[in-house]
């Protein structure tokens, strides 16, 4: 039979109105600016007390390099591209892993549900850094894969555990009448999922799955621990060469913040466009 859930347990995203009035938006913006101003004041005061000599004029050369009259990417921008490649590759694979695990959890197979449960509990109850080190130092030599692939695999497995719950909730939220109608038409389980359930569940799955990309972006910084030259690793390398500790880390943090805000905006727009009543 098909998975069944009660009306009380169904997931209905978009039922809570979180929209802000213009007045609330302005107040939130003012508070945000005041917080940034306070943080800036504390940083300037602290750097003055320790006698730190700021050298912001050196940072642009690590963003864009002028080489023989042509502009080329500096190490920070190159690291950003690697971070984005890792993030979106891991997001794709985590969605595929999450779909497979979600279907196993909804299946009639006790073995499938048992394997899915072991995977979920193992991933969610161990640190991502430990999983990354295990894959890199133990599994990578056996599978003969490089650092980049190991990082993508670790992030995909980790985020796939959370993506599976998002996908399972979206599938379970499809009205039971859709299952019954498909069964009445004689559709097999695979055809029911492919033609009826998954297309409807996508409207509930895509917004939170897009939001998961923000978490994935931040988690991707851990791949620097296995010498993948992402944004964080490039920042560490520059600091080791120049000792521009504060300037580089503030720049790296600002880039992460901008990218995360863009992904959040995309997730918010996707939620509005695919809003389910």
C-alpha atoms as a PDB file:
ATOM      1  CA  UNK A   1       0.000   0.000   0.000  1.00  0.00           C
ATOM      2  CA  UNK A   2       0.901   3.655  -0.163  1.00  0.00           C
ATOM      3  CA  UNK A   3       2.137   5.819   2.728  1.00  0.00           C
ATOM      4  CA  UNK A   4      -0.678   7.310   4.774  1.00  0.00           C
ATOM      5  CA  UNK A   5      -0.704  10.254   7.142  1.00  0.00           C
ATOM      6  CA  UNK A   6      -3.433  11.968   9.081  1.00  0.00           C
ATOM      7  CA  UNK A   7      -4.615  15.469   8.259  1.00  0.00           C
ATOM      8  CA  UNK A   8      -3.117  16.781  11.479  1.00  0.00           C
ATOM      9  CA  UNK A   9       0.399  15.615  10.546  1.00  0.00           C
ATOM     10  CA  UNK A  10       0.418  16.937   7.014  1.00  0.00           C
ATOM     11  CA  UNK A  11       2.954  19.574   6.108  1.00  0.00           C
ATOM     12  CA  UNK A  12       1.456  22.806   4.797  1.00  0.00           C
ATOM     13  CA  UNK A  13       4.210  25.339   4.085  1.00  0.00           C
ATOM     14  CA  UNK A  14       3.129  28.881   3.507  1.00  0.00           C
ATOM     15  CA  UNK A  15       0.269  28.805   6.017  1.00  0.00           C
ATOM     16  CA  UNK A  16       2.069  31.255   8.283  1.00  0.00           C
ATOM     17  CA  UNK A  17       2.275  34.795   6.950  1.00  0.00           C
ATOM     18  CA  UNK A  18       5.709  36.165   7.679  1.00  0.00           C
ATOM     19  CA  UNK A  19       5.422  39.210   5.447  1.00  0.00           C
ATOM     20  CA  UNK A  20       6.670  42.486   6.878  1.00  0.00           C
ATOM     21  CA  UNK A  21       4.925  45.828   6.560  1.00  0.00           C
ATOM     22  CA  UNK A  22       6.976  48.756   5.211  1.00  0.00           C
ATOM     23  CA  UNK A  23       7.259  50.160   8.736  1.00  0.00           C
ATOM     24  CA  UNK A  24       8.562  46.877  10.090  1.00  0.00           C
ATOM     25  CA  UNK A  25      11.017  46.564   7.223  1.00  0.00           C
ATOM     26  CA  UNK A  26      12.381  50.041   7.927  1.00  0.00           C
ATOM     27  CA  UNK A  27      12.684  49.317  11.647  1.00  0.00           C
ATOM     28  CA  UNK A  28      14.507  46.050  10.930  1.00  0.00           C
ATOM     29  CA  UNK A  29      16.887  47.850   8.562  1.00  0.00           C
ATOM     30  CA  UNK A  30      17.626  50.549  11.148  1.00  0.00           C
ATOM     31  CA  UNK A  31      18.345  47.916  13.806  1.00  0.00           C
ATOM     32  CA  UNK A  32      20.634  46.067  11.403  1.00  0.00           C
ATOM     33  CA  UNK A  33      22.568  49.261  10.595  1.00  0.00           C
ATOM     34  CA  UNK A  34      22.885  50.113  14.292  1.00  0.00           C
ATOM     35  CA  UNK A  35      24.247  46.652  15.057  1.00  0.00           C
ATOM     36  CA  UNK A  36      26.792  46.942  12.230  1.00  0.00           C
ATOM     37  CA  UNK A  37      27.787  50.395  13.473  1.00  0.00           C
ATOM     38  CA  UNK A  38      28.256  49.058  17.010  1.00  0.00           C
ATOM     39  CA  UNK A  39      30.360  46.156  15.753  1.00  0.00           C
ATOM     40  CA  UNK A  40      32.431  48.529  13.619  1.00  0.00           C
ATOM     41  CA  UNK A  41      33.017  50.825  16.591  1.00  0.00           C
ATOM     42  CA  UNK A  42      34.169  47.925  18.759  1.00  0.00           C
ATOM     43  CA  UNK A  43      36.528  46.706  16.033  1.00  0.00           C
ATOM     44  CA  UNK A  44      38.086  50.117  15.513  1.00  0.00           C
ATOM     45  CA  UNK A  45      38.450  50.670  19.243  1.00  0.00           C
ATOM     46  CA  UNK A  46      39.949  47.214  19.763  1.00  0.00           C
ATOM     47  CA  UNK A  47      42.415  47.561  16.885  1.00  0.00           C
ATOM     48  CA  UNK A  48      43.481  50.958  18.198  1.00  0.00           C
ATOM     49  CA  UNK A  49      44.168  49.546  21.643  1.00  0.00           C
ATOM     50  CA  UNK A  50      46.319  46.689  20.332  1.00  0.00           C
ATOM     51  CA  UNK A  51      48.075  48.936  17.825  1.00  0.00           C
ATOM     52  CA  UNK A  52      46.961  47.013  14.722  1.00  0.00           C
ATOM     53  CA  UNK A  53      47.851  48.641  11.406  1.00  0.00           C
ATOM     54  CA  UNK A  54      45.023  48.129   8.928  1.00  0.00           C
ATOM     55  CA  UNK A  55      46.087  47.530   5.310  1.00  0.00           C
ATOM     56  CA  UNK A  56      42.849  47.347   3.361  1.00  0.00           C
ATOM     57  CA  UNK A  57      44.629  48.699   0.276  1.00  0.00           C
ATOM     58  CA  UNK A  58      46.240  45.270  -0.160  1.00  0.00           C
ATOM     59  CA  UNK A  59      42.966  43.321  -0.382  1.00  0.00           C
ATOM     60  CA  UNK A  60      41.874  44.278  -3.962  1.00  0.00           C
ATOM     61  CA  UNK A  61      45.002  42.617  -5.377  1.00  0.00           C
ATOM     62  CA  UNK A  62      43.742  39.282  -4.007  1.00  0.00           C
ATOM     63  CA  UNK A  63      40.345  39.757  -5.644  1.00  0.00           C
ATOM     64  CA  UNK A  64      41.342  40.851  -9.143  1.00  0.00           C
ATOM     65  CA  UNK A  65      44.843  40.808 -10.623  1.00  0.00           C
ATOM     66  CA  UNK A  66      46.026  42.969 -13.520  1.00  0.00           C
ATOM     67  CA  UNK A  67      48.293  40.754 -15.617  1.00  0.00           C
ATOM     68  CA  UNK A  68      49.860  42.261 -18.781  1.00  0.00           C
ATOM     69  CA  UNK A  69      46.962  44.659 -19.207  1.00  0.00           C
ATOM     70  CA  UNK A  70      44.326  41.977 -18.665  1.00  0.00           C
ATOM     71  CA  UNK A  71      42.250  41.367 -15.575  1.00  0.00           C
ATOM     72  CA  UNK A  72      42.230  37.889 -14.104  1.00  0.00           C
ATOM     73  CA  UNK A  73      40.765  36.406 -10.975  1.00  0.00           C
ATOM     74  CA  UNK A  74      42.716  36.674  -7.770  1.00  0.00           C
ATOM     75  CA  UNK A  75      43.055  33.801  -5.291  1.00  0.00           C
ATOM     76  CA  UNK A  76      40.017  34.851  -3.234  1.00  0.00           C
ATOM     77  CA  UNK A  77      37.724  34.867  -6.271  1.00  0.00           C
ATOM     78  CA  UNK A  78      39.190  31.559  -7.445  1.00  0.00           C
ATOM     79  CA  UNK A  79      38.457  30.126  -4.004  1.00  0.00           C
ATOM     80  CA  UNK A  80      34.912  31.460  -4.206  1.00  0.00           C
ATOM     81  CA  UNK A  81      34.356  29.631  -7.504  1.00  0.00           C
ATOM     82  CA  UNK A  82      35.588  26.384  -5.936  1.00  0.00           C
ATOM     83  CA  UNK A  83      33.254  26.939  -2.973  1.00  0.00           C
ATOM     84  CA  UNK A  84      30.286  27.488  -5.294  1.00  0.00           C
ATOM     85  CA  UNK A  85      31.191  24.413  -7.319  1.00  0.00           C
ATOM     86  CA  UNK A  86      31.368  22.312  -4.156  1.00  0.00           C
ATOM     87  CA  UNK A  87      28.115  23.788  -2.827  1.00  0.00           C
ATOM     88  CA  UNK A  88      25.994  23.212  -5.924  1.00  0.00           C
ATOM     89  CA  UNK A  89      27.501  19.802  -6.703  1.00  0.00           C
ATOM     90  CA  UNK A  90      26.808  18.680  -3.137  1.00  0.00           C
ATOM     91  CA  UNK A  91      23.295  20.146  -3.269  1.00  0.00           C
ATOM     92  CA  UNK A  92      22.495  18.086  -6.372  1.00  0.00           C
ATOM     93  CA  UNK A  93      23.867  14.840  -4.950  1.00  0.00           C
ATOM     94  CA  UNK A  94      22.307  15.442  -1.525  1.00  0.00           C
ATOM     95  CA  UNK A  95      18.907  15.871  -3.194  1.00  0.00           C
ATOM     96  CA  UNK A  96      19.345  12.557  -5.023  1.00  0.00           C
ATOM     97  CA  UNK A  97      20.493  10.823  -1.833  1.00  0.00           C
ATOM     98  CA  UNK A  98      17.639  12.409   0.110  1.00  0.00           C
ATOM     99  CA  UNK A  99      15.096  11.224  -2.457  1.00  0.00           C
ATOM    100  CA  UNK A 100      16.384   7.656  -2.281  1.00  0.00           C
ATOM    101  CA  UNK A 101      16.401   7.620   1.528  1.00  0.00           C
ATOM    102  CA  UNK A 102      12.940   9.186   1.702  1.00  0.00           C
ATOM    103  CA  UNK A 103      11.527   6.521  -0.625  1.00  0.00           C
ATOM    104  CA  UNK A 104      13.159   3.799   1.454  1.00  0.00           C
ATOM    105  CA  UNK A 105      11.578   5.185   4.609  1.00  0.00           C
ATOM    106  CA  UNK A 106       8.159   5.229   2.914  1.00  0.00           C
ATOM    107  CA  UNK A 107       8.525   1.768   1.399  1.00  0.00           C
ATOM    108  CA  UNK A 108       6.937  -1.453   2.629  1.00  0.00           C
ATOM    109  CA  UNK A 109      10.353  -3.091   2.920  1.00  0.00           C
ATOM    110  CA  UNK A 110      11.484  -3.530   6.554  1.00  0.00           C
ATOM    111  CA  UNK A 111      15.079  -3.887   5.367  1.00  0.00           C
ATOM    112  CA  UNK A 112      14.848  -0.650   3.372  1.00  0.00           C
ATOM    113  CA  UNK A 113      13.376   1.266   6.294  1.00  0.00           C
ATOM    114  CA  UNK A 114      15.990  -0.231   8.618  1.00  0.00           C
ATOM    115  CA  UNK A 115      18.892   0.770   6.335  1.00  0.00           C
ATOM    116  CA  UNK A 116      17.476   4.282   5.935  1.00  0.00           C
ATOM    117  CA  UNK A 117      17.141   4.642   9.695  1.00  0.00           C
ATOM    118  CA  UNK A 118      20.754   3.501  10.280  1.00  0.00           C
ATOM    119  CA  UNK A 119      21.997   6.018   7.715  1.00  0.00           C
ATOM    120  CA  UNK A 120      19.983   8.877   9.205  1.00  0.00           C
ATOM    121  CA  UNK A 121      20.962   8.191  12.797  1.00  0.00           C
ATOM    122  CA  UNK A 122      24.626   7.727  11.906  1.00  0.00           C
ATOM    123  CA  UNK A 123      24.874  10.944   9.907  1.00  0.00           C
ATOM    124  CA  UNK A 124      22.796  13.140  12.206  1.00  0.00           C
ATOM    125  CA  UNK A 125      24.533  11.981  15.394  1.00  0.00           C
ATOM    126  CA  UNK A 126      28.157  12.344  14.315  1.00  0.00           C
ATOM    127  CA  UNK A 127      30.027  15.593  13.532  1.00  0.00           C
ATOM    128  CA  UNK A 128      30.503  16.507   9.886  1.00  0.00           C
ATOM    129  CA  UNK A 129      34.232  17.053  10.472  1.00  0.00           C
ATOM    130  CA  UNK A 130      34.624  13.477  11.757  1.00  0.00           C
ATOM    131  CA  UNK A 131      32.739  12.151   8.732  1.00  0.00           C
ATOM    132  CA  UNK A 132      34.962  14.211   6.436  1.00  0.00           C
ATOM    133  CA  UNK A 133      38.152  12.900   8.035  1.00  0.00           C
ATOM    134  CA  UNK A 134      36.859   9.316   7.926  1.00  0.00           C
ATOM    135  CA  UNK A 135      36.101   9.561   4.219  1.00  0.00           C
ATOM    136  CA  UNK A 136      39.390  11.304   3.418  1.00  0.00           C
ATOM    137  CA  UNK A 137      41.802   9.212   5.472  1.00  0.00           C
ATOM    138  CA  UNK A 138      40.018   5.833   5.325  1.00  0.00           C
ATOM    139  CA  UNK A 139      37.685   5.605   2.347  1.00  0.00           C
ATOM    140  CA  UNK A 140      39.393   7.889  -0.207  1.00  0.00           C
ATOM    141  CA  UNK A 141      42.513   5.665  -0.560  1.00  0.00           C
ATOM    142  CA  UNK A 142      40.267   2.613  -0.970  1.00  0.00           C
ATOM    143  CA  UNK A 143      37.962   4.280  -3.522  1.00  0.00           C
ATOM    144  CA  UNK A 144      40.868   6.143  -5.154  1.00  0.00           C
ATOM    145  CA  UNK A 145      39.172   9.544  -5.137  1.00  0.00           C
ATOM    146  CA  UNK A 146      40.732  12.978  -4.706  1.00  0.00           C
ATOM    147  CA  UNK A 147      40.260  15.700  -2.127  1.00  0.00           C
ATOM    148  CA  UNK A 148      37.599  17.587  -4.068  1.00  0.00           C
ATOM    149  CA  UNK A 149      35.479  14.473  -4.658  1.00  0.00           C
ATOM    150  CA  UNK A 150      35.884  13.451  -1.019  1.00  0.00           C
ATOM    151  CA  UNK A 151      34.640  16.838   0.133  1.00  0.00           C
ATOM    152  CA  UNK A 152      31.620  16.700  -2.182  1.00  0.00           C
ATOM    153  CA  UNK A 153      30.845  13.141  -1.050  1.00  0.00           C
ATOM    154  CA  UNK A 154      31.047  14.048   2.653  1.00  0.00           C
ATOM    155  CA  UNK A 155      28.821  17.102   2.256  1.00  0.00           C
ATOM    156  CA  UNK A 156      26.352  15.199   0.064  1.00  0.00           C
ATOM    157  CA  UNK A 157      25.978  12.388   2.595  1.00  0.00           C
ATOM    158  CA  UNK A 158      25.643  14.838   5.475  1.00  0.00           C
ATOM    159  CA  UNK A 159      23.109  17.153   3.847  1.00  0.00           C
ATOM    160  CA  UNK A 160      21.313  14.211   2.231  1.00  0.00           C
ATOM    161  CA  UNK A 161      20.167  13.058   5.667  1.00  0.00           C
ATOM    162  CA  UNK A 162      18.386  16.369   6.236  1.00  0.00           C
ATOM    163  CA  UNK A 163      17.171  16.625   2.646  1.00  0.00           C
ATOM    164  CA  UNK A 164      15.522  13.212   3.025  1.00  0.00           C
ATOM    165  CA  UNK A 165      13.274  14.540   5.793  1.00  0.00           C
ATOM    166  CA  UNK A 166      12.311  17.531   3.663  1.00  0.00           C
ATOM    167  CA  UNK A 167      11.472  15.282   0.712  1.00  0.00           C
ATOM    168  CA  UNK A 168       9.612  12.752   2.878  1.00  0.00           C
ATOM    169  CA  UNK A 169       7.516  15.533   4.407  1.00  0.00           C
ATOM    170  CA  UNK A 170       6.674  16.838   0.934  1.00  0.00           C
ATOM    171  CA  UNK A 171       5.610  13.383  -0.272  1.00  0.00           C
ATOM    172  CA  UNK A 172       3.545  12.621   2.814  1.00  0.00           C
ATOM    173  CA  UNK A 173       1.803  15.998   2.468  1.00  0.00           C
ATOM    174  CA  UNK A 174       0.268  15.005  -0.873  1.00  0.00           C
ATOM    175  CA  UNK A 175      -3.447  14.298  -0.226  1.00  0.00           C
ATOM    176  CA  UNK A 176      -4.281  10.622   0.242  1.00  0.00           C
ATOM    177  CA  UNK A 177      -6.874  10.934  -2.488  1.00  0.00           C
ATOM    178  CA  UNK A 178      -4.079  11.195  -5.056  1.00  0.00           C
ATOM    179  CA  UNK A 179      -2.735   7.829  -3.940  1.00  0.00           C
ATOM    180  CA  UNK A 180      -6.186   6.262  -4.037  1.00  0.00           C
ATOM    181  CA  UNK A 181      -6.919   7.669  -7.484  1.00  0.00           C
ATOM    182  CA  UNK A 182      -3.623   6.340  -8.842  1.00  0.00           C
ATOM    183  CA  UNK A 183      -4.313   2.942  -7.290  1.00  0.00           C
ATOM    184  CA  UNK A 184      -7.807   2.929  -8.823  1.00  0.00           C
ATOM    185  CA  UNK A 185      -6.337   3.642 -12.255  1.00  0.00           C
ATOM    186  CA  UNK A 186      -4.040   0.637 -11.894  1.00  0.00           C
ATOM    187  CA  UNK A 187      -0.773   2.571 -11.754  1.00  0.00           C
ATOM    188  CA  UNK A 188       2.245   0.823 -10.339  1.00  0.00           C
ATOM    189  CA  UNK A 189       4.044   2.386  -7.377  1.00  0.00           C
ATOM    190  CA  UNK A 190       6.899   3.693  -9.567  1.00  0.00           C
ATOM    191  CA  UNK A 191       4.480   5.288 -12.050  1.00  0.00           C
ATOM    192  CA  UNK A 192       2.487   6.781  -9.185  1.00  0.00           C
ATOM    193  CA  UNK A 193       5.554   8.450  -7.755  1.00  0.00           C
ATOM    194  CA  UNK A 194       6.856   9.599 -11.157  1.00  0.00           C
ATOM    195  CA  UNK A 195       3.647  10.932 -12.669  1.00  0.00           C
ATOM    196  CA  UNK A 196       1.452  11.913  -9.731  1.00  0.00           C
ATOM    197  CA  UNK A 197       3.144  12.256  -6.342  1.00  0.00           C
ATOM    198  CA  UNK A 198       6.594  13.732  -7.041  1.00  0.00           C
ATOM    199  CA  UNK A 199       5.330  16.554  -9.348  1.00  0.00           C
ATOM    200  CA  UNK A 200       2.919  17.675  -6.618  1.00  0.00           C
ATOM    201  CA  UNK A 201       5.438  17.227  -3.810  1.00  0.00           C
ATOM    202  CA  UNK A 202       8.018  19.398  -5.591  1.00  0.00           C
ATOM    203  CA  UNK A 203       6.008  22.516  -4.780  1.00  0.00           C
ATOM    204  CA  UNK A 204       6.499  21.741  -1.101  1.00  0.00           C
ATOM    205  CA  UNK A 205      10.055  20.431  -1.386  1.00  0.00           C
ATOM    206  CA  UNK A 206      11.885  23.045  -3.475  1.00  0.00           C
ATOM    207  CA  UNK A 207      11.675  26.084  -1.105  1.00  0.00           C
ATOM    208  CA  UNK A 208      13.095  24.373   2.015  1.00  0.00           C
ATOM    209  CA  UNK A 209      15.583  22.436  -0.121  1.00  0.00           C
ATOM    210  CA  UNK A 210      16.827  25.736  -1.555  1.00  0.00           C
ATOM    211  CA  UNK A 211      17.189  27.064   1.988  1.00  0.00           C
ATOM    212  CA  UNK A 212      19.323  24.008   2.741  1.00  0.00           C
ATOM    213  CA  UNK A 213      21.836  25.376   0.243  1.00  0.00           C
ATOM    214  CA  UNK A 214      22.661  28.165   2.720  1.00  0.00           C
ATOM    215  CA  UNK A 215      23.611  25.606   5.362  1.00  0.00           C
ATOM    216  CA  UNK A 216      25.570  23.675   2.754  1.00  0.00           C
ATOM    217  CA  UNK A 217      27.478  26.804   1.744  1.00  0.00           C
ATOM    218  CA  UNK A 218      28.610  27.399   5.328  1.00  0.00           C
ATOM    219  CA  UNK A 219      29.447  23.731   5.921  1.00  0.00           C
ATOM    220  CA  UNK A 220      31.568  23.689   2.756  1.00  0.00           C
ATOM    221  CA  UNK A 221      34.238  25.716   4.591  1.00  0.00           C
ATOM    222  CA  UNK A 222      35.233  22.487   6.368  1.00  0.00           C
ATOM    223  CA  UNK A 223      36.718  21.052   3.169  1.00  0.00           C
ATOM    224  CA  UNK A 224      39.655  23.417   3.750  1.00  0.00           C
ATOM    225  CA  UNK A 225      40.764  20.982   6.477  1.00  0.00           C
ATOM    226  CA  UNK A 226      41.636  18.430   3.773  1.00  0.00           C
ATOM    227  CA  UNK A 227      43.527  21.013   1.667  1.00  0.00           C
ATOM    228  CA  UNK A 228      40.795  21.782  -0.848  1.00  0.00           C
ATOM    229  CA  UNK A 229      41.508  25.319  -2.021  1.00  0.00           C
ATOM    230  CA  UNK A 230      38.091  26.805  -1.460  1.00  0.00           C
ATOM    231  CA  UNK A 231      37.388  30.330  -0.226  1.00  0.00           C
ATOM    232  CA  UNK A 232      38.418  29.544   3.356  1.00  0.00           C
ATOM    233  CA  UNK A 233      41.619  27.755   2.360  1.00  0.00           C
ATOM    234  CA  UNK A 234      42.647  30.593   0.042  1.00  0.00           C
ATOM    235  CA  UNK A 235      42.081  33.024   2.916  1.00  0.00           C
ATOM    236  CA  UNK A 236      44.263  30.945   5.235  1.00  0.00           C
ATOM    237  CA  UNK A 237      47.012  30.792   2.599  1.00  0.00           C
ATOM    238  CA  UNK A 238      47.000  34.560   2.101  1.00  0.00           C
ATOM    239  CA  UNK A 239      47.143  35.149   5.860  1.00  0.00           C
ATOM    240  CA  UNK A 240      50.109  32.791   6.181  1.00  0.00           C
ATOM    241  CA  UNK A 241      51.963  34.795   3.521  1.00  0.00           C
ATOM    242  CA  UNK A 242      50.974  38.362   4.472  1.00  0.00           C
ATOM    243  CA  UNK A 243      49.746  38.305   8.089  1.00  0.00           C
ATOM    244  CA  UNK A 244      46.717  40.396   7.032  1.00  0.00           C
ATOM    245  CA  UNK A 245      44.607  38.422   9.468  1.00  0.00           C
ATOM    246  CA  UNK A 246      41.704  40.776  10.107  1.00  0.00           C
ATOM    247  CA  UNK A 247      41.446  42.195   6.598  1.00  0.00           C
ATOM    248  CA  UNK A 248      41.373  38.769   4.921  1.00  0.00           C
ATOM    249  CA  UNK A 249      38.944  37.145   7.350  1.00  0.00           C
ATOM    250  CA  UNK A 250      36.582  40.124   7.193  1.00  0.00           C
ATOM    251  CA  UNK A 251      36.677  39.940   3.394  1.00  0.00           C
ATOM    252  CA  UNK A 252      36.057  36.180   3.384  1.00  0.00           C
ATOM    253  CA  UNK A 253      33.214  36.564   5.894  1.00  0.00           C
ATOM    254  CA  UNK A 254      31.636  39.345   3.812  1.00  0.00           C
ATOM    255  CA  UNK A 255      31.731  37.156   0.685  1.00  0.00           C
ATOM    256  CA  UNK A 256      30.099  34.261   2.537  1.00  0.00           C
ATOM    257  CA  UNK A 257      27.454  36.665   3.872  1.00  0.00           C
ATOM    258  CA  UNK A 258      26.629  38.079   0.427  1.00  0.00           C
ATOM    259  CA  UNK A 259      26.342  34.634  -1.179  1.00  0.00           C
ATOM    260  CA  UNK A 260      24.240  33.304   1.723  1.00  0.00           C
ATOM    261  CA  UNK A 261      21.906  36.308   1.490  1.00  0.00           C
ATOM    262  CA  UNK A 262      21.492  35.747  -2.259  1.00  0.00           C
ATOM    263  CA  UNK A 263      20.649  32.077  -1.690  1.00  0.00           C
ATOM    264  CA  UNK A 264      18.191  33.062   1.051  1.00  0.00           C
ATOM    265  CA  UNK A 265      16.562  35.520  -1.329  1.00  0.00           C
ATOM    266  CA  UNK A 266      16.238  32.815  -3.985  1.00  0.00           C
ATOM    267  CA  UNK A 267      14.695  30.452  -1.424  1.00  0.00           C
ATOM    268  CA  UNK A 268      12.257  33.154  -0.313  1.00  0.00           C
ATOM    269  CA  UNK A 269      11.201  33.904  -3.888  1.00  0.00           C
ATOM    270  CA  UNK A 270      10.846  30.194  -4.648  1.00  0.00           C
ATOM    271  CA  UNK A 271       8.633  29.833  -1.587  1.00  0.00           C
ATOM    272  CA  UNK A 272       6.374  32.672  -2.740  1.00  0.00           C
ATOM    273  CA  UNK A 273       6.206  31.405  -6.324  1.00  0.00           C
ATOM    274  CA  UNK A 274       5.472  27.812  -5.308  1.00  0.00           C
ATOM    275  CA  UNK A 275       3.307  28.676  -2.308  1.00  0.00           C
ATOM    276  CA  UNK A 276       0.855  25.893  -1.500  1.00  0.00           C
ATOM    277  CA  UNK A 277      -2.505  26.779  -0.011  1.00  0.00           C
END
